[in-house]
């Protein structure tokens, strides 16, 4: 079994906390501590273009019982302009720790409620400190993304990273299994595997990833975190549309058909439907365009794969289809309102004609 001389376990908890976070204002609040996300490695860093890079800043660290000792966990907060807050726990792996022990630690951390409670505590702390930069502050408790990365920089004496990436099987680590799995399961787990040099490796999975990177660059963890932030926001707005659809059905079901005596009431409802479509379309477009792929190179392939694994297309299609329903409902209602307005206009003209005839016959005569 291989041992690790330098490595870390990175735990993410991402929350939807606002309609929008003003990053420029947040930078001013945090002052020197805030830093913008920027990829470090050439040449493939140019494959991704971030519209408004998130800001990150350090929070107070804490100790956690792991590997049979008390281990320090550094804490980083990262704020995204579309309303997501990420709390990151960066736990250093003690030198000469066996990969088997790391596998056990990830299983323990995956089910440790302390991690969830601690992340929620930090999220509330950050929201309070950034209150002046947050629009519509609220932690949506039902919408949290969690992700974990095992990140290896160097392995023990007697083995090279090239040998490690070739021989170590991260399947059990990614699946948090204790037993050996079948060849079919192994092949399926490792199918999203990337390598640029002989001594680096990235394996992307559903809720975790395994990275070997001798340079210590955090570009790929940042990319995976960004993908999770986008998915969280798409999930949240899919639920917002569901609530709006339920509200529409309830409202329409409880109202009488459109009549000339209730036009203003239905005009207000139609106006709300158009506002709903505009708001959600604007937000989802902002999320979708937050990170653009400009070239099909290494980083771009990893990002696209992460988004595919996290089912971004499914969420985007679901949102578009539901927005179509809202739009069609508005069009139907608008047509009915237009017809009723036409009736009113025709009635008005008829009344004017009758009045004019009456005046000619009874007054003019």
Foldseek 3Di string as FASTA:
>chain_A
DWFAAWWKKKKKKKWQFAQFFQQVLVCVLVPPFKDFDAFDDPDCSVQKDFPGTKIKGWDDWDWDCAPNRTWIWTWMWIDDGRRMIMIMTITIDHGGHDVVRVLVRLLCVVPDVVVVVVRVVVVVVSCVSRVVRGHGGDTPVVQMAMAMEIEGQAIDPPDGLLRCVVPDQCQCSVVSHPDDDDPVSSCVQQVQKDDDDSRWIWGDAQRYIYTYDNVPGCVLVVLLVLLRNLLSVLVVLLVVLVVVVVVVCVVVVPDDPDALVCLVVLVVVLVVLVVSLVSSVVSNVCSVVSMDRDDPDDSVSSNVVSNVSSPVVVSVVSNVVSNVVSVVVSVVSVVSSVVNVVVVVVVVVVVVVVVVVCCCVPPVD
